[in-house]
Amino acid sequence: MGKDQEVMPYPFKKEVITKEKVMRMNRQNPNTSKSKVKNNCANYNTGFICSGVMIGKRLEQWIDTDKSNNKCLVIDGKECDYYDRCVKPIENTQ
């Protein structure tokens, strides 16, 4: 690696992130649906794959098999119960 790509250890994963990658991550627009899902949704997995964990009014939890291991609905411009009920209210207060 050259002088421009000094390696910085990342404390939580077994990968190294270069300064170039950090700069790229900082340039992401925080107001796009992709970045909102990636930064705020607990069901987000790499590649915008949904975990499918739903939370009800009385804090009961279950796996929605229609959403689990499928592409994120919000990214496709569709409605998601979990996102609308749990994530959007938090985003609006930030």
C-alpha atoms as a PDB file:
ATOM      1  CA  MET A   1       0.000   0.000   0.000  1.00  0.00           C
ATOM      2  CA  GLY A   2       1.164   3.486  -0.828  1.00  0.00           C
ATOM      3  CA  LYS A   3       1.415   6.516   1.395  1.00  0.00           C
ATOM      4  CA  ASP A   4      -2.143   7.572   0.518  1.00  0.00           C
ATOM      5  CA  GLN A   5      -3.612   4.292   1.745  1.00  0.00           C
ATOM      6  CA  GLU A   6      -2.427   4.053   5.319  1.00  0.00           C
ATOM      7  CA  VAL A   7      -4.168   1.141   7.050  1.00  0.00           C
ATOM      8  CA  MET A   8      -6.270   1.863  10.109  1.00  0.00           C
ATOM      9  CA  PRO A   9      -7.507  -1.077  12.241  1.00  0.00           C
ATOM     10  CA  TYR A  10     -11.256  -1.219  12.792  1.00  0.00           C
ATOM     11  CA  PRO A  11     -11.950  -2.249  16.418  1.00  0.00           C
ATOM     12  CA  PHE A  12     -15.099  -4.337  15.950  1.00  0.00           C
ATOM     13  CA  LYS A  13     -14.417  -6.362  12.837  1.00  0.00           C
ATOM     14  CA  LYS A  14     -11.476  -8.314  11.475  1.00  0.00           C
ATOM     15  CA  GLU A  15     -11.022  -5.986   8.540  1.00  0.00           C
ATOM     16  CA  VAL A  16      -8.940  -2.947   7.935  1.00  0.00           C
ATOM     17  CA  ILE A  17     -10.358   0.249   6.564  1.00  0.00           C
ATOM     18  CA  THR A  18      -8.194   2.562   4.540  1.00  0.00           C
ATOM     19  CA  LYS A  19      -8.380   6.341   4.798  1.00  0.00           C
ATOM     20  CA  GLU A  20      -9.854   6.327   1.301  1.00  0.00           C
ATOM     21  CA  LYS A  21     -12.759   4.113   2.410  1.00  0.00           C
ATOM     22  CA  VAL A  22     -13.422   6.281   5.479  1.00  0.00           C
ATOM     23  CA  MET A  23     -13.601   9.361   3.280  1.00  0.00           C
ATOM     24  CA  ARG A  24     -16.058   7.565   0.969  1.00  0.00           C
ATOM     25  CA  MET A  25     -18.262   6.584   3.926  1.00  0.00           C
ATOM     26  CA  ASN A  26     -18.311  10.183   5.184  1.00  0.00           C
ATOM     27  CA  ARG A  27     -19.541  11.450   1.811  1.00  0.00           C
ATOM     28  CA  GLN A  28     -22.718   9.367   1.846  1.00  0.00           C
ATOM     29  CA  ASN A  29     -25.874  11.459   1.881  1.00  0.00           C
ATOM     30  CA  PRO A  30     -27.601  10.803   5.237  1.00  0.00           C
ATOM     31  CA  ASN A  31     -31.047  11.690   3.851  1.00  0.00           C
ATOM     32  CA  THR A  32     -31.465   8.880   1.325  1.00  0.00           C
ATOM     33  CA  SER A  33     -33.676   5.914   2.152  1.00  0.00           C
ATOM     34  CA  LYS A  34     -30.669   3.588   1.853  1.00  0.00           C
ATOM     35  CA  SER A  35     -28.599   5.484   4.416  1.00  0.00           C
ATOM     36  CA  LYS A  36     -31.591   5.887   6.768  1.00  0.00           C
ATOM     37  CA  VAL A  37     -32.255   2.143   6.729  1.00  0.00           C
ATOM     38  CA  LYS A  38     -28.563   1.294   7.037  1.00  0.00           C
ATOM     39  CA  ASN A  39     -27.995   3.664   9.978  1.00  0.00           C
ATOM     40  CA  ASN A  40     -31.256   3.285  11.914  1.00  0.00           C
ATOM     41  CA  CYS A  41     -33.058   0.010  11.203  1.00  0.00           C
ATOM     42  CA  ALA A  42     -32.289  -2.865  13.567  1.00  0.00           C
ATOM     43  CA  ASN A  43     -33.455  -5.323  10.887  1.00  0.00           C
ATOM     44  CA  TYR A  44     -30.797  -4.151   8.406  1.00  0.00           C
ATOM     45  CA  ASN A  45     -28.261  -6.731   7.276  1.00  0.00           C
ATOM     46  CA  THR A  46     -25.527  -6.313   4.664  1.00  0.00           C
ATOM     47  CA  GLY A  47     -26.961  -5.946   1.186  1.00  0.00           C
ATOM     48  CA  PHE A  48     -30.242  -4.504   2.528  1.00  0.00           C
ATOM     49  CA  ILE A  49     -31.537  -7.922   3.531  1.00  0.00           C
ATOM     50  CA  CYS A  50     -34.223  -7.747   6.232  1.00  0.00           C
ATOM     51  CA  SER A  51     -34.091  -9.813   9.431  1.00  0.00           C
ATOM     52  CA  GLY A  52     -37.893  -9.680   9.599  1.00  0.00           C
ATOM     53  CA  VAL A  53     -38.189  -9.118  13.356  1.00  0.00           C
ATOM     54  CA  MET A  54     -41.465  -7.310  14.092  1.00  0.00           C
ATOM     55  CA  ILE A  55     -42.475  -5.592  17.343  1.00  0.00           C
ATOM     56  CA  GLY A  56     -46.121  -5.191  18.356  1.00  0.00           C
ATOM     57  CA  LYS A  57     -47.920  -2.627  20.548  1.00  0.00           C
ATOM     58  CA  ARG A  58     -47.262  -4.608  23.710  1.00  0.00           C
ATOM     59  CA  LEU A  59     -43.613  -5.208  22.754  1.00  0.00           C
ATOM     60  CA  GLU A  60     -44.289  -8.760  21.592  1.00  0.00           C
ATOM     61  CA  GLN A  61     -41.824  -9.918  18.948  1.00  0.00           C
ATOM     62  CA  TRP A  62     -42.101 -12.336  16.047  1.00  0.00           C
ATOM     63  CA  ILE A  63     -40.416 -13.120  12.757  1.00  0.00           C
ATOM     64  CA  ASP A  64     -42.349 -12.056   9.676  1.00  0.00           C
ATOM     65  CA  THR A  65     -41.473 -14.865   7.285  1.00  0.00           C
ATOM     66  CA  ASP A  66     -42.528 -12.770   4.277  1.00  0.00           C
ATOM     67  CA  LYS A  67     -39.879 -10.147   5.111  1.00  0.00           C
ATOM     68  CA  SER A  68     -37.171 -12.301   6.678  1.00  0.00           C
ATOM     69  CA  ASN A  69     -34.146 -12.868   4.400  1.00  0.00           C
ATOM     70  CA  ASN A  70     -35.711 -10.773   1.635  1.00  0.00           C
ATOM     71  CA  LYS A  71     -34.759  -7.393   0.210  1.00  0.00           C
ATOM     72  CA  CYS A  72     -35.693  -4.351   2.307  1.00  0.00           C
ATOM     73  CA  LEU A  73     -39.135  -2.993   1.374  1.00  0.00           C
ATOM     74  CA  VAL A  74     -38.215   0.634   2.147  1.00  0.00           C
ATOM     75  CA  ILE A  75     -35.404   0.546  -0.413  1.00  0.00           C
ATOM     76  CA  ASP A  76     -37.951  -0.497  -3.044  1.00  0.00           C
ATOM     77  CA  GLY A  77     -40.251   2.389  -2.034  1.00  0.00           C
ATOM     78  CA  LYS A  78     -42.788   0.140  -0.303  1.00  0.00           C
ATOM     79  CA  GLU A  79     -44.290   0.361   3.182  1.00  0.00           C
ATOM     80  CA  CYS A  80     -42.774  -1.596   6.078  1.00  0.00           C
ATOM     81  CA  ASP A  81     -44.688  -1.934   9.355  1.00  0.00           C
ATOM     82  CA  TYR A  82     -41.547  -2.138  11.486  1.00  0.00           C
ATOM     83  CA  TYR A  83     -39.851   0.809   9.795  1.00  0.00           C
ATOM     84  CA  ASP A  84     -42.971   2.991   9.996  1.00  0.00           C
ATOM     85  CA  ARG A  85     -43.733   2.130  13.622  1.00  0.00           C
ATOM     86  CA  CYS A  86     -40.248   1.905  15.170  1.00  0.00           C
ATOM     87  CA  VAL A  87     -37.699   3.714  12.996  1.00  0.00           C
ATOM     88  CA  LYS A  88     -39.467   6.727  11.455  1.00  0.00           C
ATOM     89  CA  PRO A  89     -40.528   8.280  14.790  1.00  0.00           C
ATOM     90  CA  ILE A  90     -36.905   8.187  15.985  1.00  0.00           C
ATOM     91  CA  GLU A  91     -35.584   9.656  12.724  1.00  0.00           C
ATOM     92  CA  ASN A  92     -38.017  12.576  13.000  1.00  0.00           C
ATOM     93  CA  THR A  93     -36.648  13.562  16.417  1.00  0.00           C
ATOM     94  CA  GLN A  94     -33.004  13.697  15.309  1.00  0.00           C
END
